Amino acid sequence: GAITWTRFFRKEHRNDRQWAALPSALILSVPPAI
């Protein structure tokens, strides 16, 4: 699922402002979760 959603983001929404927060949200949540 993660690979599928990542490809969808890169292909369809890389320059979409509504999706601009995806990298930042992951950076802020992934390391603390681990």
Full PDB file with SEQRES, HELIX, SHEET, SSBOND, CRYST1, ORIGX, SCALE, CONECT and MASTER records, all heavy atoms in Angstrom:
SEQRES   1 A   34  GLY ALA ILE THR TRP THR ARG PHE PHE ARG LYS GLU HIS          
SEQRES   2 A   34  ARG ASN ASP ARG GLN TRP ALA ALA LEU PRO SER ALA LEU          
SEQRES   3 A   34  ILE LEU SER VAL PRO PRO ALA ILE                              
HELIX    1 AA1 ALA A    2  GLU A   12  1                                  11    
HELIX    2 AA2 ARG A   17  TRP A   19  5                                   3    
HELIX    3 AA3 LEU A   22  ALA A   33  1                                  12    
CRYST1    1.000    1.000    1.000  90.00  90.00  90.00 P 1           1          
ORIGX1      1.000000  0.000000  0.000000        0.00000                         
ORIGX2      0.000000  1.000000  0.000000        0.00000                         
ORIGX3      0.000000  0.000000  1.000000        0.00000                         
SCALE1      1.000000  0.000000  0.000000        0.00000                         
SCALE2      0.000000  1.000000  0.000000        0.00000                         
SCALE3      0.000000  0.000000  1.000000        0.00000                         
ATOM      1  N   GLY A   1       0.807  -1.216   0.000  1.00  0.00           N  
ATOM      2  CA  GLY A   1       0.000   0.000   0.000  1.00  0.00           C  
ATOM      3  C   GLY A   1       0.837   1.263   0.000  1.00  0.00           C  
ATOM      4  O   GLY A   1       0.522   2.242  -0.695  1.00  0.00           O  
ATOM      5  N   ALA A   2       1.919   1.252   0.786  1.00  0.00           N  
ATOM      6  CA  ALA A   2       2.785   2.431   0.858  1.00  0.00           C  
ATOM      7  C   ALA A   2       3.433   2.717  -0.492  1.00  0.00           C  
ATOM      8  O   ALA A   2       3.527   3.881  -0.919  1.00  0.00           O  
ATOM      9  CB  ALA A   2       3.860   2.222   1.927  1.00  0.00           C  
ATOM     10  N   ILE A   3       3.900   1.676  -1.169  1.00  0.00           N  
ATOM     11  CA  ILE A   3       4.494   1.851  -2.500  1.00  0.00           C  
ATOM     12  C   ILE A   3       3.453   2.383  -3.480  1.00  0.00           C  
ATOM     13  O   ILE A   3       3.730   3.293  -4.277  1.00  0.00           O  
ATOM     14  CB  ILE A   3       5.084   0.518  -2.996  1.00  0.00           C  
ATOM     15  CG1 ILE A   3       6.289   0.121  -2.136  1.00  0.00           C  
ATOM     16  CG2 ILE A   3       5.495   0.631  -4.468  1.00  0.00           C  
ATOM     17  CD1 ILE A   3       6.818  -1.265  -2.436  1.00  0.00           C  
ATOM     18  N   THR A   4       2.249   1.842  -3.412  1.00  0.00           N  
ATOM     19  CA  THR A   4       1.167   2.278  -4.312  1.00  0.00           C  
ATOM     20  C   THR A   4       0.828   3.741  -4.084  1.00  0.00           C  
ATOM     21  O   THR A   4       0.690   4.526  -5.039  1.00  0.00           O  
ATOM     22  CB  THR A   4      -0.087   1.411  -4.095  1.00  0.00           C  
ATOM     23  OG1 THR A   4       0.241   0.042  -4.333  1.00  0.00           O  
ATOM     24  CG2 THR A   4      -1.202   1.832  -5.042  1.00  0.00           C  
ATOM     25  N   TRP A   5       0.682   4.147  -2.812  1.00  0.00           N  
ATOM     26  CA  TRP A   5       0.357   5.541  -2.504  1.00  0.00           C  
ATOM     27  C   TRP A   5       1.508   6.482  -2.848  1.00  0.00           C  
ATOM     28  O   TRP A   5       1.282   7.615  -3.304  1.00  0.00           O  
ATOM     29  CB  TRP A   5      -0.011   5.685  -1.034  1.00  0.00           C  
ATOM     30  CG  TRP A   5      -1.417   5.292  -0.720  1.00  0.00           C  
ATOM     31  CD1 TRP A   5      -1.836   4.251   0.050  1.00  0.00           C  
ATOM     32  CD2 TRP A   5      -2.619   5.939  -1.180  1.00  0.00           C  
ATOM     33  NE1 TRP A   5      -3.207   4.194   0.104  1.00  0.00           N  
ATOM     34  CE2 TRP A   5      -3.712   5.224  -0.639  1.00  0.00           C  
ATOM     35  CE3 TRP A   5      -2.864   7.042  -1.979  1.00  0.00           C  
ATOM     36  CZ2 TRP A   5      -5.040   5.589  -0.877  1.00  0.00           C  
ATOM     37  CZ3 TRP A   5      -4.184   7.399  -2.232  1.00  0.00           C  
ATOM     38  CH2 TRP A   5      -5.244   6.684  -1.685  1.00  0.00           C  
ATOM     39  N   THR A   6       2.743   6.030  -2.644  1.00  0.00           N  
ATOM     40  CA  THR A   6       3.898   6.877  -2.987  1.00  0.00           C  
ATOM     41  C   THR A   6       3.954   7.124  -4.484  1.00  0.00           C  
ATOM     42  O   THR A   6       4.194   8.261  -4.945  1.00  0.00           O  
ATOM     43  CB  THR A   6       5.201   6.206  -2.519  1.00  0.00           C  
ATOM     44  OG1 THR A   6       5.160   6.020  -1.097  1.00  0.00           O  
ATOM     45  CG2 THR A   6       6.403   7.074  -2.869  1.00  0.00           C  
ATOM     46  N   ARG A   7       3.721   6.100  -5.276  1.00  0.00           N  
ATOM     47  CA  ARG A   7       3.696   6.266  -6.731  1.00  0.00           C  
ATOM     48  C   ARG A   7       2.560   7.185  -7.152  1.00  0.00           C  
ATOM     49  O   ARG A   7       2.727   8.007  -8.066  1.00  0.00           O  
ATOM     50  CB  ARG A   7       3.550   4.893  -7.403  1.00  0.00           C  
ATOM     51  CG  ARG A   7       4.798   4.027  -7.328  1.00  0.00           C  
ATOM     52  CD  ARG A   7       4.552   2.672  -7.962  1.00  0.00           C  
ATOM     53  NE  ARG A   7       5.774   1.862  -8.006  1.00  0.00           N  
ATOM     54  CZ  ARG A   7       5.813   0.594  -8.397  1.00  0.00           C  
ATOM     55  NH1 ARG A   7       4.688  -0.003  -8.793  1.00  0.00           N  
ATOM     56  NH2 ARG A   7       6.955  -0.062  -8.401  1.00  0.00           N  
ATOM     57  N   PHE A   8       1.413   7.046  -6.507  1.00  0.00           N  
ATOM     58  CA  PHE A   8       0.274   7.906  -6.819  1.00  0.00           C  
ATOM     59  C   PHE A   8       0.609   9.365  -6.521  1.00  0.00           C  
ATOM     60  O   PHE A   8       0.296  10.262  -7.316  1.00  0.00           O  
ATOM     61  CB  PHE A   8      -0.934   7.462  -5.986  1.00  0.00           C  
ATOM     62  CG  PHE A   8      -2.154   8.310  -6.173  1.00  0.00           C  
ATOM     63  CD1 PHE A   8      -2.866   8.289  -7.360  1.00  0.00           C  
ATOM     64  CD2 PHE A   8      -2.598   9.136  -5.146  1.00  0.00           C  
ATOM     65  CE1 PHE A   8      -4.002   9.066  -7.534  1.00  0.00           C  
ATOM     66  CE2 PHE A   8      -3.732   9.920  -5.305  1.00  0.00           C  
ATOM     67  CZ  PHE A   8      -4.432   9.888  -6.500  1.00  0.00           C  
ATOM     68  N   PHE A   9       1.269   9.607  -5.406  1.00  0.00           N  
ATOM     69  CA  PHE A   9       1.675  10.974  -5.047  1.00  0.00           C  
ATOM     70  C   PHE A   9       2.654  11.542  -6.070  1.00  0.00           C  
ATOM     71  O   PHE A   9       2.494  12.672  -6.549  1.00  0.00           O  
ATOM     72  CB  PHE A   9       2.298  10.978  -3.651  1.00  0.00           C  
ATOM     73  CG  PHE A   9       3.049  12.243  -3.320  1.00  0.00           C  
ATOM     74  CD1 PHE A   9       2.386  13.448  -3.145  1.00  0.00           C  
ATOM     75  CD2 PHE A   9       4.435  12.230  -3.185  1.00  0.00           C  
ATOM     76  CE1 PHE A   9       3.072  14.612  -2.844  1.00  0.00           C  
ATOM     77  CE2 PHE A   9       5.130  13.390  -2.888  1.00  0.00           C  
ATOM     78  CZ  PHE A   9       4.453  14.587  -2.714  1.00  0.00           C  
ATOM     79  N   ARG A  10       3.657  10.785  -6.419  1.00  0.00           N  
ATOM     80  CA  ARG A  10       4.680  11.268  -7.347  1.00  0.00           C  
ATOM     81  C   ARG A  10       4.114  11.497  -8.749  1.00  0.00           C  
ATOM     82  O   ARG A  10       4.512  12.435  -9.444  1.00  0.00           O  
ATOM     83  CB  ARG A  10       5.837  10.277  -7.414  1.00  0.00           C  
ATOM     84  CG  ARG A  10       6.672  10.228  -6.126  1.00  0.00           C  
ATOM     85  CD  ARG A  10       7.791   9.216  -6.239  1.00  0.00           C  
ATOM     86  NE  ARG A  10       8.657   9.258  -5.066  1.00  0.00           N  
ATOM     87  CZ  ARG A  10       9.675   8.434  -4.869  1.00  0.00           C  
ATOM     88  NH1 ARG A  10       9.951   7.497  -5.775  1.00  0.00           N  
ATOM     89  NH2 ARG A  10      10.406   8.525  -3.780  1.00  0.00           N  
ATOM     90  N   LYS A  11       3.190  10.646  -9.152  1.00  0.00           N  
ATOM     91  CA  LYS A  11       2.646  10.745 -10.512  1.00  0.00           C  
ATOM     92  C   LYS A  11       1.545  11.779 -10.635  1.00  0.00           C  
ATOM     93  O   LYS A  11       1.489  12.518 -11.634  1.00  0.00           O  
ATOM     94  CB  LYS A  11       2.120   9.376 -10.948  1.00  0.00           C  
ATOM     95  CG  LYS A  11       1.612   9.341 -12.380  1.00  0.00           C  
ATOM     96  CD  LYS A  11       1.158   7.941 -12.761  1.00  0.00           C  
ATOM     97  CE  LYS A  11       0.637   7.904 -14.198  1.00  0.00           C  
ATOM     98  NZ  LYS A  11       0.189   6.541 -14.593  1.00  0.00           N  
ATOM     99  N   GLU A  12       0.675  11.855  -9.630  1.00  0.00           N  
ATOM    100  CA  GLU A  12      -0.529  12.669  -9.751  1.00  0.00           C  
ATOM    101  C   GLU A  12      -0.496  13.970  -8.941  1.00  0.00           C  
ATOM    102  O   GLU A  12      -1.162  14.939  -9.309  1.00  0.00           O  
ATOM    103  CB  GLU A  12      -1.753  11.857  -9.306  1.00  0.00           C  
ATOM    104  CG  GLU A  12      -1.953  10.540 -10.049  1.00  0.00           C  
ATOM    105  CD  GLU A  12      -2.432  10.757 -11.472  1.00  0.00           C  
ATOM    106  OE1 GLU A  12      -2.902  11.875 -11.782  1.00  0.00           O  
ATOM    107  OE2 GLU A  12      -2.320   9.800 -12.275  1.00  0.00           O  
ATOM    108  N   HIS A  13       0.239  14.017  -7.849  1.00  0.00           N  
ATOM    109  CA  HIS A  13       0.087  15.134  -6.911  1.00  0.00           C  
ATOM    110  C   HIS A  13       1.401  15.751  -6.454  1.00  0.00           C  
ATOM    111  O   HIS A  13       1.421  16.440  -5.435  1.00  0.00           O  
ATOM    112  CB  HIS A  13      -0.698  14.664  -5.679  1.00  0.00           C  
ATOM    113  CG  HIS A  13      -2.105  14.258  -5.977  1.00  0.00           C  
ATOM    114  ND1 HIS A  13      -3.104  15.177  -6.230  1.00  0.00           N  
ATOM    115  CD2 HIS A  13      -2.671  13.026  -6.094  1.00  0.00           C  
ATOM    116  CE1 HIS A  13      -4.240  14.538  -6.458  1.00  0.00           C  
ATOM    117  NE2 HIS A  13      -4.003  13.233  -6.399  1.00  0.00           N  
ATOM    118  N   ARG A  14       2.480  15.511  -7.174  1.00  0.00           N  
ATOM    119  CA  ARG A  14       3.767  16.066  -6.747  1.00  0.00           C  
ATOM    120  C   ARG A  14       3.716  17.583  -6.636  1.00  0.00           C  
ATOM    121  O   ARG A  14       4.314  18.175  -5.730  1.00  0.00           O  
ATOM    122  CB  ARG A  14       4.868  15.650  -7.731  1.00  0.00           C  
ATOM    123  CG  ARG A  14       6.236  16.215  -7.377  1.00  0.00           C  
ATOM    124  CD  ARG A  14       7.267  15.854  -8.435  1.00  0.00           C  
ATOM    125  NE  ARG A  14       7.552  14.438  -8.449  1.00  0.00           N  
ATOM    126  CZ  ARG A  14       8.483  13.863  -7.693  1.00  0.00           C  
ATOM    127  NH1 ARG A  14       9.201  14.597  -6.858  1.00  0.00           N  
ATOM    128  NH2 ARG A  14       8.704  12.572  -7.767  1.00  0.00           N  
ATOM    129  N   ASN A  15       2.992  18.236  -7.526  1.00  0.00           N  
ATOM    130  CA  ASN A  15       2.902  19.702  -7.529  1.00  0.00           C  
ATOM    131  C   ASN A  15       1.552  20.212  -7.037  1.00  0.00           C  
ATOM    132  O   ASN A  15       1.208  21.377  -7.243  1.00  0.00           O  
ATOM    133  CB  ASN A  15       3.161  20.224  -8.953  1.00  0.00           C  
ATOM    134  CG  ASN A  15       4.556  19.875  -9.449  1.00  0.00           C  
ATOM    135  OD1 ASN A  15       5.533  19.992  -8.726  1.00  0.00           O  
ATOM    136  ND2 ASN A  15       4.638  19.420 -10.695  1.00  0.00           N  
ATOM    137  N   ASP A  16       0.791  19.341  -6.403  1.00  0.00           N  
ATOM    138  CA  ASP A  16      -0.525  19.701  -5.873  1.00  0.00           C  
ATOM    139  C   ASP A  16      -0.355  20.286  -4.480  1.00  0.00           C  
ATOM    140  O   ASP A  16       0.165  19.630  -3.570  1.00  0.00           O  
ATOM    141  CB  ASP A  16      -1.408  18.447  -5.829  1.00  0.00           C  
ATOM    142  CG  ASP A  16      -2.852  18.768  -5.450  1.00  0.00           C  
ATOM    143  OD1 ASP A  16      -3.103  19.860  -4.910  1.00  0.00           O  
ATOM    144  OD2 ASP A  16      -3.721  17.902  -5.681  1.00  0.00           O  
ATOM    145  N   ARG A  17      -0.828  21.519  -4.270  1.00  0.00           N  
ATOM    146  CA  ARG A  17      -0.661  22.178  -2.974  1.00  0.00           C  
ATOM    147  C   ARG A  17      -1.383  21.431  -1.855  1.00  0.00           C  
ATOM    148  O   ARG A  17      -0.933  21.440  -0.704  1.00  0.00           O  
ATOM    149  CB  ARG A  17      -1.201  23.617  -3.049  1.00  0.00           C  
ATOM    150  CG  ARG A  17      -0.274  24.591  -3.761  1.00  0.00           C  
ATOM    151  CD  ARG A  17       1.038  24.757  -3.022  1.00  0.00           C  
ATOM    152  NE  ARG A  17       0.810  25.157  -1.627  1.00  0.00           N  
ATOM    153  CZ  ARG A  17       1.722  25.042  -0.650  1.00  0.00           C  
ATOM    154  NH1 ARG A  17       2.897  24.503  -0.909  1.00  0.00           N  
ATOM    155  NH2 ARG A  17       1.446  25.443   0.577  1.00  0.00           N  
ATOM    156  N   GLN A  18      -2.491  20.766  -2.175  1.00  0.00           N  
ATOM    157  CA  GLN A  18      -3.217  20.026  -1.144  1.00  0.00           C  
ATOM    158  C   GLN A  18      -2.439  18.810  -0.646  1.00  0.00           C  
ATOM    159  O   GLN A  18      -2.743  18.272   0.413  1.00  0.00           O  
ATOM    160  CB  GLN A  18      -4.577  19.582  -1.682  1.00  0.00           C  
ATOM    161  CG  GLN A  18      -5.558  20.721  -1.908  1.00  0.00           C  
ATOM    162  CD  GLN A  18      -6.945  20.209  -2.269  1.00  0.00           C  
ATOM    163  OE1 GLN A  18      -7.213  19.014  -2.241  1.00  0.00           O  
ATOM    164  NE2 GLN A  18      -7.827  21.135  -2.619  1.00  0.00           N  
ATOM    165  N   TRP A  19      -1.432  18.387  -1.414  1.00  0.00           N  
ATOM    166  CA  TRP A  19      -0.601  17.246  -1.021  1.00  0.00           C  
ATOM    167  C   TRP A  19       0.800  17.668  -0.589  1.00  0.00           C  
ATOM    168  O   TRP A  19       1.656  16.825  -0.315  1.00  0.00           O  
ATOM    169  CB  TRP A  19      -0.491  16.260  -2.172  1.00  0.00           C  
ATOM    170  CG  TRP A  19      -1.703  15.404  -2.356  1.00  0.00           C  
ATOM    171  CD1 TRP A  19      -2.946  15.804  -2.776  1.00  0.00           C  
ATOM    172  CD2 TRP A  19      -1.811  14.000  -2.112  1.00  0.00           C  
ATOM    173  NE1 TRP A  19      -3.811  14.743  -2.809  1.00  0.00           N  
ATOM    174  CE2 TRP A  19      -3.148  13.622  -2.409  1.00  0.00           C  
ATOM    175  CE3 TRP A  19      -0.912  13.023  -1.683  1.00  0.00           C  
ATOM    176  CZ2 TRP A  19      -3.586  12.309  -2.294  1.00  0.00           C  
ATOM    177  CZ3 TRP A  19      -1.353  11.717  -1.562  1.00  0.00           C  
ATOM    178  CH2 TRP A  19      -2.671  11.369  -1.865  1.00  0.00           C  
ATOM    179  N   ALA A  20       1.025  18.966  -0.499  1.00  0.00           N  
ATOM    180  CA  ALA A  20       2.373  19.452  -0.201  1.00  0.00           C  
ATOM    181  C   ALA A  20       2.857  19.047   1.189  1.00  0.00           C  
ATOM    182  O   ALA A  20       4.062  18.963   1.448  1.00  0.00           O  
ATOM    183  CB  ALA A  20       2.408  20.979  -0.328  1.00  0.00           C  
ATOM    184  N   ALA A  21       1.926  18.752   2.094  1.00  0.00           N  
ATOM    185  CA  ALA A  21       2.303  18.449   3.480  1.00  0.00           C  
ATOM    186  C   ALA A  21       2.742  16.997   3.666  1.00  0.00           C  
ATOM    187  O   ALA A  21       3.216  16.643   4.759  1.00  0.00           O  
ATOM    188  CB  ALA A  21       1.123  18.744   4.410  1.00  0.00           C  
ATOM    189  N   LEU A  22       2.595  16.149   2.649  1.00  0.00           N  
ATOM    190  CA  LEU A  22       2.898  14.728   2.833  1.00  0.00           C  
ATOM    191  C   LEU A  22       4.331  14.478   3.307  1.00  0.00           C  
ATOM    192  O   LEU A  22       4.527  13.783   4.319  1.00  0.00           O  
ATOM    193  CB  LEU A  22       2.608  13.956   1.547  1.00  0.00           C  
ATOM    194  CG  LEU A  22       2.742  12.431   1.643  1.00  0.00           C  
ATOM    195  CD1 LEU A  22       1.701  11.743   0.779  1.00  0.00           C  
ATOM    196  CD2 LEU A  22       4.129  11.967   1.190  1.00  0.00           C  
ATOM    197  N   PRO A  23       5.369  15.004   2.646  1.00  0.00           N  
ATOM    198  CA  PRO A  23       6.735  14.730   3.129  1.00  0.00           C  
ATOM    199  C   PRO A  23       6.965  15.243   4.552  1.00  0.00           C  
ATOM    200  O   PRO A  23       7.573  14.551   5.378  1.00  0.00           O  
ATOM    201  CB  PRO A  23       7.619  15.470   2.115  1.00  0.00           C  
ATOM    202  CG  PRO A  23       6.775  15.615   0.891  1.00  0.00           C  
ATOM    203  CD  PRO A  23       5.382  15.813   1.409  1.00  0.00           C  
ATOM    204  N   SER A  24       6.468  16.446   4.851  1.00  0.00           N  
ATOM    205  CA  SER A  24       6.678  17.022   6.178  1.00  0.00           C  
ATOM    206  C   SER A  24       5.963  16.210   7.257  1.00  0.00           C  
ATOM    207  O   SER A  24       6.507  15.984   8.352  1.00  0.00           O  
ATOM    208  CB  SER A  24       6.179  18.471   6.214  1.00  0.00           C  
ATOM    209  OG  SER A  24       6.885  19.275   5.296  1.00  0.00           O  
ATOM    210  N   ALA A  25       4.744  15.770   6.960  1.00  0.00           N  
ATOM    211  CA  ALA A  25       3.989  14.974   7.931  1.00  0.00           C  
ATOM    212  C   ALA A  25       4.711  13.671   8.238  1.00  0.00           C  
ATOM    213  O   ALA A  25       4.742  13.217   9.397  1.00  0.00           O  
ATOM    214  CB  ALA A  25       2.589  14.697   7.403  1.00  0.00           C  
ATOM    215  N   LEU A  26       5.312  13.072   7.229  1.00  0.00           N  
ATOM    216  CA  LEU A  26       6.049  11.828   7.446  1.00  0.00           C  
ATOM    217  C   LEU A  26       7.326  12.071   8.237  1.00  0.00           C  
ATOM    218  O   LEU A  26       7.676  11.290   9.137  1.00  0.00           O  
ATOM    219  CB  LEU A  26       6.373  11.168   6.107  1.00  0.00           C  
ATOM    220  CG  LEU A  26       5.179  10.587   5.339  1.00  0.00           C  
ATOM    221  CD1 LEU A  26       5.608  10.108   3.962  1.00  0.00           C  
ATOM    222  CD2 LEU A  26       4.551   9.435   6.122  1.00  0.00           C  
ATOM    223  N   ILE A  27       8.026  13.135   7.922  1.00  0.00           N  
ATOM    224  CA  ILE A  27       9.263  13.458   8.646  1.00  0.00           C  
ATOM    225  C   ILE A  27       8.973  13.702  10.126  1.00  0.00           C  
ATOM    226  O   ILE A  27       9.754  13.317  11.006  1.00  0.00           O  
ATOM    227  CB  ILE A  27       9.946  14.684   8.013  1.00  0.00           C  
ATOM    228  CG1 ILE A  27      10.502  14.318   6.626  1.00  0.00           C  
ATOM    229  CG2 ILE A  27      11.066  15.210   8.909  1.00  0.00           C  
ATOM    230  CD1 ILE A  27      11.033  15.495   5.846  1.00  0.00           C  
ATOM    231  N   LEU A  28       7.838  14.328  10.408  1.00  0.00           N  
ATOM    232  CA  LEU A  28       7.489  14.652  11.791  1.00  0.00           C  
ATOM    233  C   LEU A  28       6.945  13.456  12.566  1.00  0.00           C  
ATOM    234  O   LEU A  28       7.018  13.438  13.801  1.00  0.00           O  
ATOM    235  CB  LEU A  28       6.455  15.781  11.809  1.00  0.00           C  
ATOM    236  CG  LEU A  28       6.954  17.166  11.416  1.00  0.00           C  
ATOM    237  CD1 LEU A  28       5.782  18.122  11.227  1.00  0.00           C  
ATOM    238  CD2 LEU A  28       7.912  17.706  12.479  1.00  0.00           C  
ATOM    239  N   SER A  29       6.396  12.475  11.873  1.00  0.00           N  
ATOM    240  CA  SER A  29       5.723  11.365  12.576  1.00  0.00           C  
ATOM    241  C   SER A  29       6.481  10.045  12.545  1.00  0.00           C  
ATOM    242  O   SER A  29       6.403   9.268  13.503  1.00  0.00           O  
ATOM    243  CB  SER A  29       4.314  11.158  12.000  1.00  0.00           C  
ATOM    244  OG  SER A  29       4.365  10.873  10.614  1.00  0.00           O  
ATOM    245  N   VAL A  30       7.216   9.758  11.482  1.00  0.00           N  
ATOM    246  CA  VAL A  30       7.866   8.454  11.359  1.00  0.00           C  
ATOM    247  C   VAL A  30       8.964   8.232  12.407  1.00  0.00           C  
ATOM    248  O   VAL A  30       8.939   7.219  13.130  1.00  0.00           O  
ATOM    249  CB  VAL A  30       8.422   8.236   9.934  1.00  0.00           C  
ATOM    250  CG1 VAL A  30       9.304   6.980   9.889  1.00  0.00           C  
ATOM    251  CG2 VAL A  30       7.286   8.101   8.936  1.00  0.00           C  
ATOM    252  N   PRO A  31       9.960   9.131  12.544  1.00  0.00           N  
ATOM    253  CA  PRO A  31      11.006   8.884  13.555  1.00  0.00           C  
ATOM    254  C   PRO A  31      10.454   8.746  14.974  1.00  0.00           C  
ATOM    255  O   PRO A  31      10.872   7.827  15.703  1.00  0.00           O  
ATOM    256  CB  PRO A  31      11.929  10.103  13.410  1.00  0.00           C  
ATOM    257  CG  PRO A  31      11.732  10.560  12.002  1.00  0.00           C  
ATOM    258  CD  PRO A  31      10.274  10.333  11.725  1.00  0.00           C  
ATOM    259  N   PRO A  32       9.517   9.610  15.420  1.00  0.00           N  
ATOM    260  CA  PRO A  32       8.959   9.410  16.766  1.00  0.00           C  
ATOM    261  C   PRO A  32       8.210   8.082  16.905  1.00  0.00           C  
ATOM    262  O   PRO A  32       8.256   7.449  17.961  1.00  0.00           O  
ATOM    263  CB  PRO A  32       8.000  10.592  16.927  1.00  0.00           C  
ATOM    264  CG  PRO A  32       8.500  11.623  16.002  1.00  0.00           C  
ATOM    265  CD  PRO A  32       9.028  10.868  14.821  1.00  0.00           C  
ATOM    266  N   ALA A  33       7.505   7.659  15.839  1.00  0.00           N  
ATOM    267  CA  ALA A  33       6.788   6.387  15.898  1.00  0.00           C  
ATOM    268  C   ALA A  33       7.761   5.228  16.087  1.00  0.00           C  
ATOM    269  O   ALA A  33       7.516   4.317  16.893  1.00  0.00           O  
ATOM    270  CB  ALA A  33       5.964   6.188  14.630  1.00  0.00           C  
ATOM    271  N   ILE A  34       8.867   5.258  15.361  1.00  0.00           N  
ATOM    272  CA  ILE A  34       9.879   4.209  15.505  1.00  0.00           C  
ATOM    273  C   ILE A  34      10.502   4.264  16.901  1.00  0.00           C  
ATOM    274  O   ILE A  34      10.773   3.217  17.518  1.00  0.00           O  
ATOM    275  CB  ILE A  34      10.952   4.349  14.412  1.00  0.00           C  
ATOM    276  CG1 ILE A  34      10.318   4.075  13.031  1.00  0.00           C  
ATOM    277  CG2 ILE A  34      12.118   3.404  14.662  1.00  0.00           C  
ATOM    278  CD1 ILE A  34      11.261   4.297  11.872  1.00  0.00           C  
TER     279      ILE A  34                                                      
MASTER        0    0    0    3    0    0    0    6  278    1    0    3          
END                                                                             
